[in-house]
Amino acid sequence: MGERLREIVESIQASRGRLLDAISRLDQPALDRTPASGGWSVGEVLHHLLLMETSVTRLLERQVTRAVGRGAAQETSTASMLGSLDQFAVETAPDRIVAPQGFLPARGMGKQELLDGLAASRETLLRVTDRAGSIDLAQLLFPHPVLGRLNMYQWVLYIGQHELRHLHQIERTL
């Protein structure tokens, strides 16, 4: 795995750790409680994160497979990509975004089912990032419905920033 991707993976792993710490002591009733202000329960937020990570992982896998088939260029830059989404303030943007249909969570999923799903989705993502090796993921572009065209480094980085955005939502809910 190239240095740029390794740095992003470390960042999203840290985000996941923060998320798991925040929910570690919650029981099922706490996960299912809908906030008084409306919106998703903690369990629904976790399911949404699972759906999103699974989708981004499938996208990355398709992009990497195509790139490998085309003999994609190898990464030559070591410049960090960690600030490449800063202009969008993904983690802190005050605007509420309506999730697309395929990312709307189910209600009432069990805590262990959610934790197992998040672990499995992350394991798959890590396998795909490992498979990407040192391919220059900056050359692989795909549009985000709100942010516009992102490269695959940014898509992977988005996973962690999106989790932190929802971590703040969970903290407000609790």
C-alpha atoms as a PDB file:
ATOM      1  CA  MET A   1       0.000   0.000   0.000  1.00  0.00           C
ATOM      2  CA  GLY A   2       1.313   3.444  -0.917  1.00  0.00           C
ATOM      3  CA  GLU A   3       2.178   6.008   1.736  1.00  0.00           C
ATOM      4  CA  ARG A   4      -0.731   8.333   0.886  1.00  0.00           C
ATOM      5  CA  LEU A   5      -3.287   5.554   1.206  1.00  0.00           C
ATOM      6  CA  ARG A   6      -1.646   4.206   4.367  1.00  0.00           C
ATOM      7  CA  GLU A   7      -1.982   7.640   5.983  1.00  0.00           C
ATOM      8  CA  ILE A   8      -5.678   7.783   5.063  1.00  0.00           C
ATOM      9  CA  VAL A   9      -6.303   4.256   6.358  1.00  0.00           C
ATOM     10  CA  GLU A  10      -4.682   5.185   9.676  1.00  0.00           C
ATOM     11  CA  SER A  11      -6.934   8.230   9.855  1.00  0.00           C
ATOM     12  CA  ILE A  12     -10.155   6.310   9.196  1.00  0.00           C
ATOM     13  CA  GLN A  13      -9.101   3.639  11.676  1.00  0.00           C
ATOM     14  CA  ALA A  14      -8.714   6.336  14.325  1.00  0.00           C
ATOM     15  CA  SER A  15     -12.182   7.679  13.456  1.00  0.00           C
ATOM     16  CA  ARG A  16     -13.644   4.195  13.787  1.00  0.00           C
ATOM     17  CA  GLY A  17     -11.968   3.767  17.153  1.00  0.00           C
ATOM     18  CA  ARG A  18     -13.568   6.971  18.408  1.00  0.00           C
ATOM     19  CA  LEU A  19     -16.975   5.829  17.159  1.00  0.00           C
ATOM     20  CA  LEU A  20     -16.699   2.415  18.806  1.00  0.00           C
ATOM     21  CA  ASP A  21     -15.536   3.965  22.081  1.00  0.00           C
ATOM     22  CA  ALA A  22     -18.566   6.256  22.097  1.00  0.00           C
ATOM     23  CA  ILE A  23     -21.040   3.401  21.724  1.00  0.00           C
ATOM     24  CA  SER A  24     -19.240   0.691  23.693  1.00  0.00           C
ATOM     25  CA  ARG A  25     -21.331   0.985  26.853  1.00  0.00           C
ATOM     26  CA  LEU A  26     -24.692   1.527  25.182  1.00  0.00           C
ATOM     27  CA  ASP A  27     -27.330  -1.145  25.615  1.00  0.00           C
ATOM     28  CA  GLN A  28     -30.013  -1.976  23.061  1.00  0.00           C
ATOM     29  CA  PRO A  29     -32.642   0.439  24.451  1.00  0.00           C
ATOM     30  CA  ALA A  30     -30.102   3.273  24.233  1.00  0.00           C
ATOM     31  CA  LEU A  31     -29.309   2.309  20.630  1.00  0.00           C
ATOM     32  CA  ASP A  32     -32.985   2.282  19.702  1.00  0.00           C
ATOM     33  CA  ARG A  33     -33.968   5.555  21.426  1.00  0.00           C
ATOM     34  CA  THR A  34     -35.005   8.213  18.938  1.00  0.00           C
ATOM     35  CA  PRO A  35     -33.849  11.711  19.858  1.00  0.00           C
ATOM     36  CA  ALA A  36     -36.542  14.033  21.201  1.00  0.00           C
ATOM     37  CA  SER A  37     -35.682  16.452  18.405  1.00  0.00           C
ATOM     38  CA  GLY A  38     -36.376  13.767  15.809  1.00  0.00           C
ATOM     39  CA  GLY A  39     -33.863  12.140  13.535  1.00  0.00           C
ATOM     40  CA  TRP A  40     -32.148   8.799  13.697  1.00  0.00           C
ATOM     41  CA  SER A  41     -31.450   6.680  16.740  1.00  0.00           C
ATOM     42  CA  VAL A  42     -27.842   5.699  17.427  1.00  0.00           C
ATOM     43  CA  GLY A  43     -28.554   2.266  15.956  1.00  0.00           C
ATOM     44  CA  GLU A  44     -29.904   3.843  12.784  1.00  0.00           C
ATOM     45  CA  VAL A  45     -26.824   6.047  12.504  1.00  0.00           C
ATOM     46  CA  LEU A  46     -24.607   2.952  12.819  1.00  0.00           C
ATOM     47  CA  HIS A  47     -26.579   1.138  10.134  1.00  0.00           C
ATOM     48  CA  HIS A  48     -26.310   4.184   7.851  1.00  0.00           C
ATOM     49  CA  LEU A  49     -22.525   4.187   8.359  1.00  0.00           C
ATOM     50  CA  LEU A  50     -22.400   0.495   7.525  1.00  0.00           C
ATOM     51  CA  LEU A  51     -24.411   1.021   4.325  1.00  0.00           C
ATOM     52  CA  MET A  52     -22.209   3.921   3.273  1.00  0.00           C
ATOM     53  CA  GLU A  53     -18.907   2.162   3.930  1.00  0.00           C
ATOM     54  CA  THR A  54     -20.088  -0.938   2.083  1.00  0.00           C
ATOM     55  CA  SER A  55     -21.057   1.172  -0.919  1.00  0.00           C
ATOM     56  CA  VAL A  56     -17.789   3.120  -1.003  1.00  0.00           C
ATOM     57  CA  THR A  57     -15.851  -0.136  -0.695  1.00  0.00           C
ATOM     58  CA  ARG A  58     -17.695  -1.592  -3.708  1.00  0.00           C
ATOM     59  CA  LEU A  59     -16.957   1.589  -5.655  1.00  0.00           C
ATOM     60  CA  LEU A  60     -13.269   1.451  -4.731  1.00  0.00           C
ATOM     61  CA  GLU A  61     -13.094  -2.225  -5.659  1.00  0.00           C
ATOM     62  CA  ARG A  62     -14.591  -1.564  -9.110  1.00  0.00           C
ATOM     63  CA  GLN A  63     -12.247   1.361  -9.683  1.00  0.00           C
ATOM     64  CA  VAL A  64      -9.155  -0.575  -8.583  1.00  0.00           C
ATOM     65  CA  THR A  65     -10.102  -3.596 -10.717  1.00  0.00           C
ATOM     66  CA  ARG A  66     -10.482  -1.378 -13.790  1.00  0.00           C
ATOM     67  CA  ALA A  67      -7.254   0.464 -13.035  1.00  0.00           C
ATOM     68  CA  VAL A  68      -5.292  -2.770 -12.628  1.00  0.00           C
ATOM     69  CA  GLY A  69      -6.756  -4.036 -15.915  1.00  0.00           C
ATOM     70  CA  ARG A  70      -5.636  -0.848 -17.679  1.00  0.00           C
ATOM     71  CA  GLY A  71      -2.170  -0.971 -16.157  1.00  0.00           C
ATOM     72  CA  ALA A  72      -2.745   2.069 -13.962  1.00  0.00           C
ATOM     73  CA  ALA A  73       0.045   4.402 -13.036  1.00  0.00           C
ATOM     74  CA  GLN A  74       1.848   3.826  -9.773  1.00  0.00           C
ATOM     75  CA  GLU A  75       1.762   6.444  -7.043  1.00  0.00           C
ATOM     76  CA  THR A  76       4.773   8.727  -7.154  1.00  0.00           C
ATOM     77  CA  SER A  77       3.642  11.514  -4.834  1.00  0.00           C
ATOM     78  CA  THR A  78       3.999  11.356  -1.080  1.00  0.00           C
ATOM     79  CA  ALA A  79       2.010  14.561  -0.491  1.00  0.00           C
ATOM     80  CA  SER A  80      -0.627  14.029   2.159  1.00  0.00           C
ATOM     81  CA  MET A  81      -4.270  13.795   1.092  1.00  0.00           C
ATOM     82  CA  LEU A  82      -5.618  14.258   4.630  1.00  0.00           C
ATOM     83  CA  GLY A  83      -6.596  17.884   3.981  1.00  0.00           C
ATOM     84  CA  SER A  84      -8.078  17.268   0.551  1.00  0.00           C
ATOM     85  CA  LEU A  85     -11.686  17.416   1.793  1.00  0.00           C
ATOM     86  CA  ASP A  86     -11.190  20.344   4.188  1.00  0.00           C
ATOM     87  CA  GLN A  87     -13.013  22.750   1.864  1.00  0.00           C
ATOM     88  CA  PHE A  88     -16.185  20.711   2.352  1.00  0.00           C
ATOM     89  CA  ALA A  89     -16.006  20.602   6.170  1.00  0.00           C
ATOM     90  CA  VAL A  90     -17.545  17.114   6.037  1.00  0.00           C
ATOM     91  CA  GLU A  91     -17.152  16.544   9.770  1.00  0.00           C
ATOM     92  CA  THR A  92     -18.540  19.870  10.932  1.00  0.00           C
ATOM     93  CA  ALA A  93     -20.809  21.234   8.182  1.00  0.00           C
ATOM     94  CA  PRO A  94     -24.002  22.500   9.844  1.00  0.00           C
ATOM     95  CA  ASP A  95     -26.259  21.658   6.917  1.00  0.00           C
ATOM     96  CA  ARG A  96     -28.421  18.598   7.321  1.00  0.00           C
ATOM     97  CA  ILE A  97     -28.123  16.304   4.333  1.00  0.00           C
ATOM     98  CA  VAL A  98     -30.930  13.965   3.369  1.00  0.00           C
ATOM     99  CA  ALA A  99     -29.500  10.497   2.810  1.00  0.00           C
ATOM    100  CA  PRO A 100     -30.192   8.936  -0.592  1.00  0.00           C
ATOM    101  CA  GLN A 101     -32.657   6.047  -0.625  1.00  0.00           C
ATOM    102  CA  GLY A 102     -30.013   3.307  -0.610  1.00  0.00           C
ATOM    103  CA  PHE A 103     -28.445   4.741   2.539  1.00  0.00           C
ATOM    104  CA  LEU A 104     -31.538   5.014   4.709  1.00  0.00           C
ATOM    105  CA  PRO A 105     -31.081   2.806   7.781  1.00  0.00           C
ATOM    106  CA  ALA A 106     -33.283   0.086   9.155  1.00  0.00           C
ATOM    107  CA  ARG A 107     -34.703   0.579  12.627  1.00  0.00           C
ATOM    108  CA  GLY A 108     -34.232  -1.849  15.507  1.00  0.00           C
ATOM    109  CA  MET A 109     -31.119  -3.747  14.413  1.00  0.00           C
ATOM    110  CA  GLY A 110     -29.314  -5.523  17.254  1.00  0.00           C
ATOM    111  CA  LYS A 111     -26.124  -4.040  18.659  1.00  0.00           C
ATOM    112  CA  GLN A 112     -24.033  -7.119  17.915  1.00  0.00           C
ATOM    113  CA  GLU A 113     -25.391  -7.308  14.380  1.00  0.00           C
ATOM    114  CA  LEU A 114     -24.397  -3.681  13.827  1.00  0.00           C
ATOM    115  CA  LEU A 115     -20.945  -4.148  15.358  1.00  0.00           C
ATOM    116  CA  ASP A 116     -20.350  -7.303  13.315  1.00  0.00           C
ATOM    117  CA  GLY A 117     -21.478  -5.509  10.156  1.00  0.00           C
ATOM    118  CA  LEU A 118     -19.188  -2.556  10.808  1.00  0.00           C
ATOM    119  CA  ALA A 119     -16.266  -4.901  11.488  1.00  0.00           C
ATOM    120  CA  ALA A 120     -16.941  -6.875   8.306  1.00  0.00           C
ATOM    121  CA  SER A 121     -17.305  -3.766   6.163  1.00  0.00           C
ATOM    122  CA  ARG A 122     -14.024  -2.382   7.501  1.00  0.00           C
ATOM    123  CA  GLU A 123     -12.249  -5.702   6.947  1.00  0.00           C
ATOM    124  CA  THR A 124     -13.425  -5.700   3.327  1.00  0.00           C
ATOM    125  CA  LEU A 125     -12.351  -2.082   2.863  1.00  0.00           C
ATOM    126  CA  LEU A 126      -8.902  -2.862   4.234  1.00  0.00           C
ATOM    127  CA  ARG A 127      -8.584  -5.821   1.860  1.00  0.00           C
ATOM    128  CA  VAL A 128      -9.466  -3.588  -1.082  1.00  0.00           C
ATOM    129  CA  THR A 129      -7.071  -0.820  -0.010  1.00  0.00           C
ATOM    130  CA  ASP A 130      -4.350  -3.438   0.344  1.00  0.00           C
ATOM    131  CA  ARG A 131      -5.156  -4.742  -3.133  1.00  0.00           C
ATOM    132  CA  ALA A 132      -4.860  -1.192  -4.484  1.00  0.00           C
ATOM    133  CA  GLY A 133      -1.190  -1.429  -3.634  1.00  0.00           C
ATOM    134  CA  SER A 134       0.613   1.631  -4.901  1.00  0.00           C
ATOM    135  CA  ILE A 135      -1.831   2.558  -7.668  1.00  0.00           C
ATOM    136  CA  ASP A 136      -2.250   6.304  -8.018  1.00  0.00           C
ATOM    137  CA  LEU A 137      -5.808   6.605  -6.738  1.00  0.00           C
ATOM    138  CA  ALA A 138      -5.804  10.346  -7.499  1.00  0.00           C
ATOM    139  CA  GLN A 139      -6.365   9.387 -11.139  1.00  0.00           C
ATOM    140  CA  LEU A 140      -9.550   7.433 -10.358  1.00  0.00           C
ATOM    141  CA  LEU A 141     -12.509   9.814 -10.150  1.00  0.00           C
ATOM    142  CA  PHE A 142     -16.167   9.310  -9.303  1.00  0.00           C
ATOM    143  CA  PRO A 143     -18.852  11.891  -8.446  1.00  0.00           C
ATOM    144  CA  HIS A 144     -20.191  12.287  -4.923  1.00  0.00           C
ATOM    145  CA  PRO A 145     -23.860  13.390  -4.926  1.00  0.00           C
ATOM    146  CA  VAL A 146     -23.126  16.486  -2.796  1.00  0.00           C
ATOM    147  CA  LEU A 147     -19.377  17.149  -3.019  1.00  0.00           C
ATOM    148  CA  GLY A 148     -18.849  16.586  -6.746  1.00  0.00           C
ATOM    149  CA  ARG A 149     -16.006  14.634  -8.336  1.00  0.00           C
ATOM    150  CA  LEU A 150     -13.758  12.982  -5.796  1.00  0.00           C
ATOM    151  CA  ASN A 151     -10.745  10.803  -6.383  1.00  0.00           C
ATOM    152  CA  MET A 152     -10.503   7.444  -4.666  1.00  0.00           C
ATOM    153  CA  TYR A 153      -8.172   8.753  -1.965  1.00  0.00           C
ATOM    154  CA  GLN A 154     -10.852  11.288  -1.107  1.00  0.00           C
ATOM    155  CA  TRP A 155     -13.588   8.657  -1.130  1.00  0.00           C
ATOM    156  CA  VAL A 156     -11.689   6.549   1.413  1.00  0.00           C
ATOM    157  CA  LEU A 157     -10.933   9.658   3.486  1.00  0.00           C
ATOM    158  CA  TYR A 158     -14.625  10.572   3.289  1.00  0.00           C
ATOM    159  CA  ILE A 159     -15.518   7.363   5.137  1.00  0.00           C
ATOM    160  CA  GLY A 160     -13.677   8.542   8.254  1.00  0.00           C
ATOM    161  CA  GLN A 161     -14.881  12.132   8.069  1.00  0.00           C
ATOM    162  CA  HIS A 162     -18.459  10.977   7.524  1.00  0.00           C
ATOM    163  CA  GLU A 163     -18.147   8.741  10.595  1.00  0.00           C
ATOM    164  CA  LEU A 164     -16.904  11.678  12.659  1.00  0.00           C
ATOM    165  CA  ARG A 165     -19.811  13.806  11.444  1.00  0.00           C
ATOM    166  CA  HIS A 166     -22.199  11.130  12.662  1.00  0.00           C
ATOM    167  CA  LEU A 167     -20.195  10.610  15.851  1.00  0.00           C
ATOM    168  CA  HIS A 168     -21.024  14.222  16.735  1.00  0.00           C
ATOM    169  CA  GLN A 169     -24.678  13.437  15.966  1.00  0.00           C
ATOM    170  CA  ILE A 170     -24.509  10.410  18.282  1.00  0.00           C
ATOM    171  CA  GLU A 171     -22.950  12.507  21.042  1.00  0.00           C
ATOM    172  CA  ARG A 172     -25.756  15.058  20.721  1.00  0.00           C
ATOM    173  CA  THR A 173     -28.336  12.261  20.797  1.00  0.00           C
ATOM    174  CA  LEU A 174     -26.833  10.781  23.962  1.00  0.00           C
END
